């Protein structure tokens, strides 16, 4: 009976991987230019700020615009001083786009920085300057010595409509991106991610999909997930996007799931059915998450 359950689970994984989402509208020139432009000119900091540097900025009393995209219950338990809560999900962030500042850097954090990096990429596509806090609250901020000094429970609200105007096509595409979260909320691709164990099952079953490693070539050569192709993260990587299939599920992974979040945001905006691997390949910094941290096989 146990063997039958395992076979049934594997069959369900294969069936799920064959389901390819379709966008509600064609990719506009504005969206394509924004996405390709971002990856062509990736910032040197990869759109991220280190957790220690971020904590020091807050301690120093710098005038920062901070978004906490965790859910309201954990935000209310304690958040970074001054942070506004706009929860990750289909509705809240799209509704807030007209209220975000176009003249300040937007610092975004979530739990482990994976959904924050999706958000940061989308905001940058839309013309904002946004950076995620590395490793988010759970693996980053809360592990910085003395972080308690920057924690509060007082809630903060967004102001009114700002002067910054987002291109209509870009705004519609970002709204469509978040709306799509509702379609995957009860699937193995919740939050446009796939868990390590589910990908392992899919790989073992020979599911028809494409796995893309965006780690650097040296690290890819030393070990990668079976069947993966390598498109190294870095400025100019967008030139390889056109070689990816639009009729297959694409699973993207990096080291810890952060830059993969940005890559997935770009690919989905370009109408690819992409998701990221939870925890990426895995490093000591994000244990126990990630493929190698789970003890799964890597090949050379």
C-alpha atoms as a PDB file:
ATOM      1  CA  UNK A   1       0.000   0.000   0.000  1.00  0.00           C
ATOM      2  CA  UNK A   2       2.847   2.394   0.858  1.00  0.00           C
ATOM      3  CA  UNK A   3       4.445   1.767  -2.554  1.00  0.00           C
ATOM      4  CA  UNK A   4       1.128   2.534  -4.279  1.00  0.00           C
ATOM      5  CA  UNK A   5       0.828   5.832  -2.386  1.00  0.00           C
ATOM      6  CA  UNK A   6       4.339   6.832  -3.453  1.00  0.00           C
ATOM      7  CA  UNK A   7       3.611   5.996  -7.095  1.00  0.00           C
ATOM      8  CA  UNK A   8       0.363   7.959  -6.942  1.00  0.00           C
ATOM      9  CA  UNK A   9       2.157  10.973  -5.459  1.00  0.00           C
ATOM     10  CA  UNK A  10       4.766  10.850  -8.210  1.00  0.00           C
ATOM     11  CA  UNK A  11       2.042  10.649 -10.848  1.00  0.00           C
ATOM     12  CA  UNK A  12       0.339  13.713  -9.361  1.00  0.00           C
ATOM     13  CA  UNK A  13       3.636  15.610  -9.452  1.00  0.00           C
ATOM     14  CA  UNK A  14       4.116  14.781 -13.130  1.00  0.00           C
ATOM     15  CA  UNK A  15       0.556  15.866 -13.925  1.00  0.00           C
ATOM     16  CA  UNK A  16       1.040  19.141 -12.042  1.00  0.00           C
ATOM     17  CA  UNK A  17       4.256  19.868 -13.885  1.00  0.00           C
ATOM     18  CA  UNK A  18       2.481  19.507 -17.206  1.00  0.00           C
ATOM     19  CA  UNK A  19       0.108  22.344 -16.338  1.00  0.00           C
ATOM     20  CA  UNK A  20       1.516  25.509 -17.913  1.00  0.00           C
ATOM     21  CA  UNK A  21      -0.031  28.827 -16.971  1.00  0.00           C
ATOM     22  CA  UNK A  22      -1.102  31.337 -19.603  1.00  0.00           C
ATOM     23  CA  UNK A  23      -1.009  35.093 -19.184  1.00  0.00           C
ATOM     24  CA  UNK A  24      -4.058  37.285 -19.545  1.00  0.00           C
ATOM     25  CA  UNK A  25      -2.427  39.491 -22.148  1.00  0.00           C
ATOM     26  CA  UNK A  26       0.540  39.627 -24.503  1.00  0.00           C
ATOM     27  CA  UNK A  27       3.818  41.025 -23.240  1.00  0.00           C
ATOM     28  CA  UNK A  28       3.996  44.707 -24.111  1.00  0.00           C
ATOM     29  CA  UNK A  29       7.112  46.438 -25.395  1.00  0.00           C
ATOM     30  CA  UNK A  30       7.226  48.474 -22.180  1.00  0.00           C
ATOM     31  CA  UNK A  31       7.304  45.336 -20.038  1.00  0.00           C
ATOM     32  CA  UNK A  32       9.894  43.608 -22.217  1.00  0.00           C
ATOM     33  CA  UNK A  33      12.115  46.696 -22.227  1.00  0.00           C
ATOM     34  CA  UNK A  34      11.816  47.136 -18.460  1.00  0.00           C
ATOM     35  CA  UNK A  35      12.653  43.517 -17.649  1.00  0.00           C
ATOM     36  CA  UNK A  36      15.507  43.219 -20.133  1.00  0.00           C
ATOM     37  CA  UNK A  37      16.826  46.623 -19.127  1.00  0.00           C
ATOM     38  CA  UNK A  38      17.003  45.619 -15.472  1.00  0.00           C
ATOM     39  CA  UNK A  39      18.930  42.414 -16.126  1.00  0.00           C
ATOM     40  CA  UNK A  40      21.162  44.085 -18.677  1.00  0.00           C
ATOM     41  CA  UNK A  41      22.222  46.609 -16.045  1.00  0.00           C
ATOM     42  CA  UNK A  42      22.004  44.628 -12.809  1.00  0.00           C
ATOM     43  CA  UNK A  43      23.145  46.736  -9.860  1.00  0.00           C
ATOM     44  CA  UNK A  44      26.444  45.717  -8.290  1.00  0.00           C
ATOM     45  CA  UNK A  45      24.659  44.894  -5.039  1.00  0.00           C
ATOM     46  CA  UNK A  46      22.214  42.635  -6.920  1.00  0.00           C
ATOM     47  CA  UNK A  47      19.324  44.688  -5.593  1.00  0.00           C
ATOM     48  CA  UNK A  48      20.090  43.662  -2.013  1.00  0.00           C
ATOM     49  CA  UNK A  49      21.472  45.129   1.190  1.00  0.00           C
ATOM     50  CA  UNK A  50      23.239  43.027   3.800  1.00  0.00           C
ATOM     51  CA  UNK A  51      21.294  42.443   6.971  1.00  0.00           C
ATOM     52  CA  UNK A  52      24.005  43.980   9.180  1.00  0.00           C
ATOM     53  CA  UNK A  53      24.275  47.111   7.032  1.00  0.00           C
ATOM     54  CA  UNK A  54      20.497  47.458   7.062  1.00  0.00           C
ATOM     55  CA  UNK A  55      20.272  47.150  10.843  1.00  0.00           C
ATOM     56  CA  UNK A  56      23.021  49.756  11.219  1.00  0.00           C
ATOM     57  CA  UNK A  57      21.143  52.181   8.950  1.00  0.00           C
ATOM     58  CA  UNK A  58      18.016  51.819  11.053  1.00  0.00           C
ATOM     59  CA  UNK A  59      19.987  52.209  14.291  1.00  0.00           C
ATOM     60  CA  UNK A  60      21.571  55.377  12.911  1.00  0.00           C
ATOM     61  CA  UNK A  61      18.116  56.864  12.402  1.00  0.00           C
ATOM     62  CA  UNK A  62      18.432  57.217   8.630  1.00  0.00           C
ATOM     63  CA  UNK A  63      15.297  58.279   6.813  1.00  0.00           C
ATOM     64  CA  UNK A  64      14.391  54.936   5.223  1.00  0.00           C
ATOM     65  CA  UNK A  65      11.238  53.732   3.485  1.00  0.00           C
ATOM     66  CA  UNK A  66      10.775  50.131   4.621  1.00  0.00           C
ATOM     67  CA  UNK A  67       8.216  47.566   3.507  1.00  0.00           C
ATOM     68  CA  UNK A  68       7.502  44.504   5.608  1.00  0.00           C
ATOM     69  CA  UNK A  69       5.643  42.086   3.333  1.00  0.00           C
ATOM     70  CA  UNK A  70       5.137  39.397   5.945  1.00  0.00           C
ATOM     71  CA  UNK A  71       1.624  38.609   7.068  1.00  0.00           C
ATOM     72  CA  UNK A  72      -0.096  41.000   9.520  1.00  0.00           C
ATOM     73  CA  UNK A  73       0.014  38.643  12.513  1.00  0.00           C
ATOM     74  CA  UNK A  74       3.820  38.421  12.563  1.00  0.00           C
ATOM     75  CA  UNK A  75       4.175  42.103  11.678  1.00  0.00           C
ATOM     76  CA  UNK A  76       2.102  42.975  14.731  1.00  0.00           C
ATOM     77  CA  UNK A  77       4.274  40.791  16.942  1.00  0.00           C
ATOM     78  CA  UNK A  78       7.317  42.887  16.056  1.00  0.00           C
ATOM     79  CA  UNK A  79       8.822  44.603  13.023  1.00  0.00           C
ATOM     80  CA  UNK A  80      11.594  46.996  12.038  1.00  0.00           C
ATOM     81  CA  UNK A  81      11.018  50.523  13.306  1.00  0.00           C
ATOM     82  CA  UNK A  82       9.054  52.566  10.814  1.00  0.00           C
ATOM     83  CA  UNK A  83       8.245  49.626   8.543  1.00  0.00           C
ATOM     84  CA  UNK A  84       4.900  49.662   6.730  1.00  0.00           C
ATOM     85  CA  UNK A  85       3.103  46.351   6.372  1.00  0.00           C
ATOM     86  CA  UNK A  86       1.944  45.485   2.846  1.00  0.00           C
ATOM     87  CA  UNK A  87       1.420  41.707   2.990  1.00  0.00           C
ATOM     88  CA  UNK A  88       2.563  39.465   0.146  1.00  0.00           C
ATOM     89  CA  UNK A  89      -0.456  38.218  -1.753  1.00  0.00           C
ATOM     90  CA  UNK A  90      -2.767  38.891  -4.700  1.00  0.00           C
ATOM     91  CA  UNK A  91      -4.147  42.260  -3.562  1.00  0.00           C
ATOM     92  CA  UNK A  92      -2.206  44.385  -1.064  1.00  0.00           C
ATOM     93  CA  UNK A  93       0.941  45.252  -3.016  1.00  0.00           C
ATOM     94  CA  UNK A  94      -0.836  46.076  -6.309  1.00  0.00           C
ATOM     95  CA  UNK A  95      -3.217  48.349  -4.387  1.00  0.00           C
ATOM     96  CA  UNK A  96      -0.263  50.181  -2.853  1.00  0.00           C
ATOM     97  CA  UNK A  97       1.692  50.892  -6.038  1.00  0.00           C
ATOM     98  CA  UNK A  98       0.366  54.441  -6.401  1.00  0.00           C
ATOM     99  CA  UNK A  99       1.355  55.222  -2.819  1.00  0.00           C
ATOM    100  CA  UNK A 100       5.008  54.191  -2.996  1.00  0.00           C
ATOM    101  CA  UNK A 101       7.710  56.873  -3.225  1.00  0.00           C
ATOM    102  CA  UNK A 102       9.468  57.319  -6.534  1.00  0.00           C
ATOM    103  CA  UNK A 103      12.218  59.459  -4.993  1.00  0.00           C
ATOM    104  CA  UNK A 104      13.481  57.122  -2.250  1.00  0.00           C
ATOM    105  CA  UNK A 105      15.004  53.659  -2.062  1.00  0.00           C
ATOM    106  CA  UNK A 106      12.407  51.115  -0.963  1.00  0.00           C
ATOM    107  CA  UNK A 107      13.815  48.478   1.400  1.00  0.00           C
ATOM    108  CA  UNK A 108      11.780  45.257   1.392  1.00  0.00           C
ATOM    109  CA  UNK A 109      11.941  42.273   3.700  1.00  0.00           C
ATOM    110  CA  UNK A 110       9.892  39.096   4.173  1.00  0.00           C
ATOM    111  CA  UNK A 111      10.742  35.894   6.041  1.00  0.00           C
ATOM    112  CA  UNK A 112      13.779  34.544   4.152  1.00  0.00           C
ATOM    113  CA  UNK A 113      14.006  37.133   1.318  1.00  0.00           C
ATOM    114  CA  UNK A 114      12.616  34.924  -1.451  1.00  0.00           C
ATOM    115  CA  UNK A 115       9.260  36.644  -1.982  1.00  0.00           C
ATOM    116  CA  UNK A 116      10.927  39.955  -1.112  1.00  0.00           C
ATOM    117  CA  UNK A 117      13.245  39.493  -4.079  1.00  0.00           C
ATOM    118  CA  UNK A 118      10.303  38.842  -6.375  1.00  0.00           C
ATOM    119  CA  UNK A 119       8.785  42.080  -5.095  1.00  0.00           C
ATOM    120  CA  UNK A 120      12.038  44.004  -5.441  1.00  0.00           C
ATOM    121  CA  UNK A 121      12.431  42.919  -9.056  1.00  0.00           C
ATOM    122  CA  UNK A 122       8.857  43.911  -9.886  1.00  0.00           C
ATOM    123  CA  UNK A 123       9.268  47.318  -8.243  1.00  0.00           C
ATOM    124  CA  UNK A 124      12.490  47.909 -10.153  1.00  0.00           C
ATOM    125  CA  UNK A 125      10.783  46.918 -13.405  1.00  0.00           C
ATOM    126  CA  UNK A 126       8.115  49.513 -12.583  1.00  0.00           C
ATOM    127  CA  UNK A 127      10.738  52.221 -12.194  1.00  0.00           C
ATOM    128  CA  UNK A 128      11.220  52.321  -8.430  1.00  0.00           C
ATOM    129  CA  UNK A 129      14.563  51.814  -6.738  1.00  0.00           C
ATOM    130  CA  UNK A 130      14.076  48.844  -4.446  1.00  0.00           C
ATOM    131  CA  UNK A 131      16.382  46.557  -2.476  1.00  0.00           C
ATOM    132  CA  UNK A 132      15.678  43.462  -0.421  1.00  0.00           C
ATOM    133  CA  UNK A 133      17.204  42.853   2.981  1.00  0.00           C
ATOM    134  CA  UNK A 134      19.386  39.784   2.618  1.00  0.00           C
ATOM    135  CA  UNK A 135      17.900  36.635   4.191  1.00  0.00           C
ATOM    136  CA  UNK A 136      14.833  38.525   5.387  1.00  0.00           C
ATOM    137  CA  UNK A 137      13.628  38.576   8.980  1.00  0.00           C
ATOM    138  CA  UNK A 138      14.071  34.938   9.985  1.00  0.00           C
ATOM    139  CA  UNK A 139      17.545  34.222   8.599  1.00  0.00           C
ATOM    140  CA  UNK A 140      18.930  37.763   8.431  1.00  0.00           C
ATOM    141  CA  UNK A 141      17.633  40.632  10.554  1.00  0.00           C
ATOM    142  CA  UNK A 142      16.806  38.555  13.628  1.00  0.00           C
ATOM    143  CA  UNK A 143      20.294  37.011  13.594  1.00  0.00           C
ATOM    144  CA  UNK A 144      22.114  40.346  13.766  1.00  0.00           C
ATOM    145  CA  UNK A 145      23.505  41.065  17.236  1.00  0.00           C
ATOM    146  CA  UNK A 146      21.520  43.838  18.882  1.00  0.00           C
ATOM    147  CA  UNK A 147      18.703  43.777  16.343  1.00  0.00           C
ATOM    148  CA  UNK A 148      16.206  44.086  19.201  1.00  0.00           C
ATOM    149  CA  UNK A 149      17.031  47.787  19.356  1.00  0.00           C
ATOM    150  CA  UNK A 150      15.287  48.366  16.032  1.00  0.00           C
ATOM    151  CA  UNK A 151      12.133  46.346  16.744  1.00  0.00           C
ATOM    152  CA  UNK A 152       8.762  47.862  17.578  1.00  0.00           C
ATOM    153  CA  UNK A 153       5.084  46.881  17.541  1.00  0.00           C
ATOM    154  CA  UNK A 154       3.594  50.261  16.553  1.00  0.00           C
ATOM    155  CA  UNK A 155       1.898  49.949  13.172  1.00  0.00           C
ATOM    156  CA  UNK A 156       2.610  52.379  10.325  1.00  0.00           C
ATOM    157  CA  UNK A 157       0.472  53.257   7.333  1.00  0.00           C
ATOM    158  CA  UNK A 158       1.224  54.396   3.804  1.00  0.00           C
ATOM    159  CA  UNK A 159       0.612  57.999   2.886  1.00  0.00           C
ATOM    160  CA  UNK A 160      -1.608  59.167   0.064  1.00  0.00           C
ATOM    161  CA  UNK A 161      -1.112  59.002  -3.692  1.00  0.00           C
ATOM    162  CA  UNK A 162       2.373  60.124  -4.755  1.00  0.00           C
ATOM    163  CA  UNK A 163       3.482  62.116  -7.787  1.00  0.00           C
ATOM    164  CA  UNK A 164       5.214  59.087  -9.294  1.00  0.00           C
ATOM    165  CA  UNK A 165       3.307  57.622 -12.238  1.00  0.00           C
ATOM    166  CA  UNK A 166       3.905  54.050 -13.346  1.00  0.00           C
ATOM    167  CA  UNK A 167       3.634  53.145 -17.010  1.00  0.00           C
ATOM    168  CA  UNK A 168       0.126  51.739 -17.507  1.00  0.00           C
ATOM    169  CA  UNK A 169       1.333  48.536 -19.193  1.00  0.00           C
ATOM    170  CA  UNK A 170       3.893  47.897 -16.467  1.00  0.00           C
ATOM    171  CA  UNK A 171       1.330  48.513 -13.750  1.00  0.00           C
ATOM    172  CA  UNK A 172      -1.116  46.104 -15.387  1.00  0.00           C
ATOM    173  CA  UNK A 173       1.587  43.440 -15.712  1.00  0.00           C
ATOM    174  CA  UNK A 174       2.593  43.768 -12.053  1.00  0.00           C
ATOM    175  CA  UNK A 175      -1.055  43.568 -10.988  1.00  0.00           C
ATOM    176  CA  UNK A 176      -1.500  40.453 -13.151  1.00  0.00           C
ATOM    177  CA  UNK A 177       1.600  38.910 -11.574  1.00  0.00           C
ATOM    178  CA  UNK A 178       0.220  39.268  -8.069  1.00  0.00           C
ATOM    179  CA  UNK A 179      -3.288  38.247  -9.105  1.00  0.00           C
ATOM    180  CA  UNK A 180      -1.800  34.994 -10.360  1.00  0.00           C
ATOM    181  CA  UNK A 181      -0.777  34.090  -6.823  1.00  0.00           C
ATOM    182  CA  UNK A 182      -4.401  33.178  -6.163  1.00  0.00           C
ATOM    183  CA  UNK A 183      -4.286  30.589  -8.945  1.00  0.00           C
ATOM    184  CA  UNK A 184      -1.340  28.739  -7.371  1.00  0.00           C
ATOM    185  CA  UNK A 185      -2.203  29.191  -3.687  1.00  0.00           C
ATOM    186  CA  UNK A 186      -3.449  25.605  -3.309  1.00  0.00           C
ATOM    187  CA  UNK A 187      -0.852  23.991  -5.556  1.00  0.00           C
ATOM    188  CA  UNK A 188       2.737  22.826  -5.248  1.00  0.00           C
ATOM    189  CA  UNK A 189       3.744  26.169  -6.782  1.00  0.00           C
ATOM    190  CA  UNK A 190       2.402  28.416  -4.031  1.00  0.00           C
ATOM    191  CA  UNK A 191       4.156  31.809  -4.089  1.00  0.00           C
ATOM    192  CA  UNK A 192       5.699  30.815  -7.452  1.00  0.00           C
ATOM    193  CA  UNK A 193       8.004  28.429  -5.626  1.00  0.00           C
ATOM    194  CA  UNK A 194       8.453  24.670  -5.416  1.00  0.00           C
ATOM    195  CA  UNK A 195       9.586  22.809  -2.306  1.00  0.00           C
ATOM    196  CA  UNK A 196      12.784  20.800  -2.355  1.00  0.00           C
ATOM    197  CA  UNK A 197      11.048  17.469  -1.798  1.00  0.00           C
ATOM    198  CA  UNK A 198       8.544  18.094  -4.578  1.00  0.00           C
ATOM    199  CA  UNK A 199      11.278  18.917  -7.076  1.00  0.00           C
ATOM    200  CA  UNK A 200      13.180  15.807  -5.985  1.00  0.00           C
ATOM    201  CA  UNK A 201      10.101  13.714  -6.703  1.00  0.00           C
ATOM    202  CA  UNK A 202       9.670  15.395 -10.090  1.00  0.00           C
ATOM    203  CA  UNK A 203      13.316  14.810 -11.041  1.00  0.00           C
ATOM    204  CA  UNK A 204      13.123  11.170  -9.991  1.00  0.00           C
ATOM    205  CA  UNK A 205       9.952  10.674 -12.026  1.00  0.00           C
ATOM    206  CA  UNK A 206      11.489  12.165 -15.168  1.00  0.00           C
ATOM    207  CA  UNK A 207       8.926  14.962 -15.394  1.00  0.00           C
ATOM    208  CA  UNK A 208       9.122  17.055 -18.563  1.00  0.00           C
ATOM    209  CA  UNK A 209      10.394  20.402 -17.296  1.00  0.00           C
ATOM    210  CA  UNK A 210      13.468  22.592 -17.477  1.00  0.00           C
ATOM    211  CA  UNK A 211      15.700  23.262 -14.488  1.00  0.00           C
ATOM    212  CA  UNK A 212      17.838  26.384 -14.698  1.00  0.00           C
ATOM    213  CA  UNK A 213      20.748  27.017 -12.364  1.00  0.00           C
ATOM    214  CA  UNK A 214      21.742  30.662 -12.144  1.00  0.00           C
ATOM    215  CA  UNK A 215      24.761  29.932  -9.966  1.00  0.00           C
ATOM    216  CA  UNK A 216      28.189  30.812 -11.309  1.00  0.00           C
ATOM    217  CA  UNK A 217      29.846  28.403 -13.809  1.00  0.00           C
ATOM    218  CA  UNK A 218      32.509  27.213 -11.346  1.00  0.00           C
ATOM    219  CA  UNK A 219      29.886  26.266  -8.764  1.00  0.00           C
ATOM    220  CA  UNK A 220      27.661  24.702 -11.423  1.00  0.00           C
ATOM    221  CA  UNK A 221      30.579  22.532 -12.593  1.00  0.00           C
ATOM    222  CA  UNK A 222      31.292  21.374  -9.043  1.00  0.00           C
ATOM    223  CA  UNK A 223      27.753  20.108  -8.633  1.00  0.00           C
ATOM    224  CA  UNK A 224      24.225  20.812  -9.833  1.00  0.00           C
ATOM    225  CA  UNK A 225      20.771  19.259  -9.944  1.00  0.00           C
ATOM    226  CA  UNK A 226      20.471  16.505 -12.528  1.00  0.00           C
ATOM    227  CA  UNK A 227      19.387  17.859 -15.919  1.00  0.00           C
ATOM    228  CA  UNK A 228      19.939  21.524 -15.062  1.00  0.00           C
ATOM    229  CA  UNK A 229      21.282  24.059 -17.553  1.00  0.00           C
ATOM    230  CA  UNK A 230      23.387  27.011 -16.471  1.00  0.00           C
ATOM    231  CA  UNK A 231      22.499  30.663 -17.072  1.00  0.00           C
ATOM    232  CA  UNK A 232      24.826  32.470 -14.636  1.00  0.00           C
ATOM    233  CA  UNK A 233      23.366  35.350 -12.664  1.00  0.00           C
ATOM    234  CA  UNK A 234      24.858  38.644 -13.813  1.00  0.00           C
ATOM    235  CA  UNK A 235      24.473  41.631 -16.061  1.00  0.00           C
ATOM    236  CA  UNK A 236      23.482  40.523 -19.544  1.00  0.00           C
ATOM    237  CA  UNK A 237      21.855  37.243 -18.511  1.00  0.00           C
ATOM    238  CA  UNK A 238      18.620  38.338 -20.197  1.00  0.00           C
ATOM    239  CA  UNK A 239      20.144  37.569 -23.604  1.00  0.00           C
ATOM    240  CA  UNK A 240      19.649  33.867 -22.848  1.00  0.00           C
ATOM    241  CA  UNK A 241      16.000  34.138 -21.794  1.00  0.00           C
ATOM    242  CA  UNK A 242      14.827  33.759 -25.391  1.00  0.00           C
ATOM    243  CA  UNK A 243      16.346  30.269 -25.535  1.00  0.00           C
ATOM    244  CA  UNK A 244      14.052  29.009 -22.784  1.00  0.00           C
ATOM    245  CA  UNK A 245      10.860  27.098 -23.664  1.00  0.00           C
ATOM    246  CA  UNK A 246       7.501  28.770 -23.087  1.00  0.00           C
ATOM    247  CA  UNK A 247       5.630  25.463 -23.162  1.00  0.00           C
ATOM    248  CA  UNK A 248       7.347  23.898 -20.137  1.00  0.00           C
ATOM    249  CA  UNK A 249       7.532  24.509 -16.426  1.00  0.00           C
ATOM    250  CA  UNK A 250      10.846  26.234 -15.655  1.00  0.00           C
ATOM    251  CA  UNK A 251      12.377  25.766 -12.204  1.00  0.00           C
ATOM    252  CA  UNK A 252      15.058  28.332 -11.346  1.00  0.00           C
ATOM    253  CA  UNK A 253      17.505  27.949  -8.499  1.00  0.00           C
ATOM    254  CA  UNK A 254      20.456  29.907  -7.167  1.00  0.00           C
ATOM    255  CA  UNK A 255      22.344  29.565  -3.870  1.00  0.00           C
ATOM    256  CA  UNK A 256      19.676  30.441  -1.298  1.00  0.00           C
ATOM    257  CA  UNK A 257      16.591  31.336  -3.349  1.00  0.00           C
ATOM    258  CA  UNK A 258      17.073  35.098  -3.393  1.00  0.00           C
ATOM    259  CA  UNK A 259      18.395  36.013  -6.837  1.00  0.00           C
ATOM    260  CA  UNK A 260      16.261  33.179  -8.224  1.00  0.00           C
ATOM    261  CA  UNK A 261      13.262  35.138  -6.936  1.00  0.00           C
ATOM    262  CA  UNK A 262      14.277  38.090  -9.095  1.00  0.00           C
ATOM    263  CA  UNK A 263      14.904  35.860 -12.106  1.00  0.00           C
ATOM    264  CA  UNK A 264      11.490  34.212 -11.719  1.00  0.00           C
ATOM    265  CA  UNK A 265       9.811  37.618 -11.519  1.00  0.00           C
ATOM    266  CA  UNK A 266      11.470  38.634 -14.778  1.00  0.00           C
ATOM    267  CA  UNK A 267      10.671  35.398 -16.574  1.00  0.00           C
ATOM    268  CA  UNK A 268       7.030  35.402 -15.496  1.00  0.00           C
ATOM    269  CA  UNK A 269       6.660  39.013 -16.641  1.00  0.00           C
ATOM    270  CA  UNK A 270       7.952  37.800 -20.028  1.00  0.00           C
ATOM    271  CA  UNK A 271       5.280  35.069 -20.065  1.00  0.00           C
ATOM    272  CA  UNK A 272       7.407  32.098 -19.007  1.00  0.00           C
ATOM    273  CA  UNK A 273       5.915  29.628 -16.542  1.00  0.00           C
ATOM    274  CA  UNK A 274       8.756  29.937 -14.041  1.00  0.00           C
ATOM    275  CA  UNK A 275       9.015  29.114 -10.353  1.00  0.00           C
ATOM    276  CA  UNK A 276      11.962  29.120  -7.966  1.00  0.00           C
ATOM    277  CA  UNK A 277      13.308  26.300  -5.823  1.00  0.00           C
ATOM    278  CA  UNK A 278      12.771  26.920  -2.139  1.00  0.00           C
ATOM    279  CA  UNK A 279      16.116  27.581  -0.475  1.00  0.00           C
ATOM    280  CA  UNK A 280      18.056  27.250  -3.722  1.00  0.00           C
ATOM    281  CA  UNK A 281      20.983  24.834  -3.718  1.00  0.00           C
ATOM    282  CA  UNK A 282      21.431  25.632  -0.042  1.00  0.00           C
ATOM    283  CA  UNK A 283      24.371  27.024   1.934  1.00  0.00           C
ATOM    284  CA  UNK A 284      25.347  27.040   5.595  1.00  0.00           C
ATOM    285  CA  UNK A 285      23.726  30.465   5.886  1.00  0.00           C
ATOM    286  CA  UNK A 286      20.213  29.222   5.111  1.00  0.00           C
ATOM    287  CA  UNK A 287      20.159  25.775   6.697  1.00  0.00           C
ATOM    288  CA  UNK A 288      18.004  23.699   6.793  1.00  0.00           C
ATOM    289  CA  UNK A 289      16.554  24.994   3.510  1.00  0.00           C
ATOM    290  CA  UNK A 290      17.846  24.162   0.044  1.00  0.00           C
ATOM    291  CA  UNK A 291      18.520  21.144  -2.144  1.00  0.00           C
ATOM    292  CA  UNK A 292      21.943  20.157  -0.777  1.00  0.00           C
ATOM    293  CA  UNK A 293      20.953  20.954   2.803  1.00  0.00           C
ATOM    294  CA  UNK A 294      18.217  18.347   2.403  1.00  0.00           C
ATOM    295  CA  UNK A 295      20.861  15.826   1.348  1.00  0.00           C
ATOM    296  CA  UNK A 296      19.642  15.457  -2.242  1.00  0.00           C
ATOM    297  CA  UNK A 297      21.983  14.345  -5.002  1.00  0.00           C
ATOM    298  CA  UNK A 298      24.029  16.732  -7.112  1.00  0.00           C
ATOM    299  CA  UNK A 299      25.823  15.717 -10.303  1.00  0.00           C
ATOM    300  CA  UNK A 300      28.832  17.059 -12.186  1.00  0.00           C
END
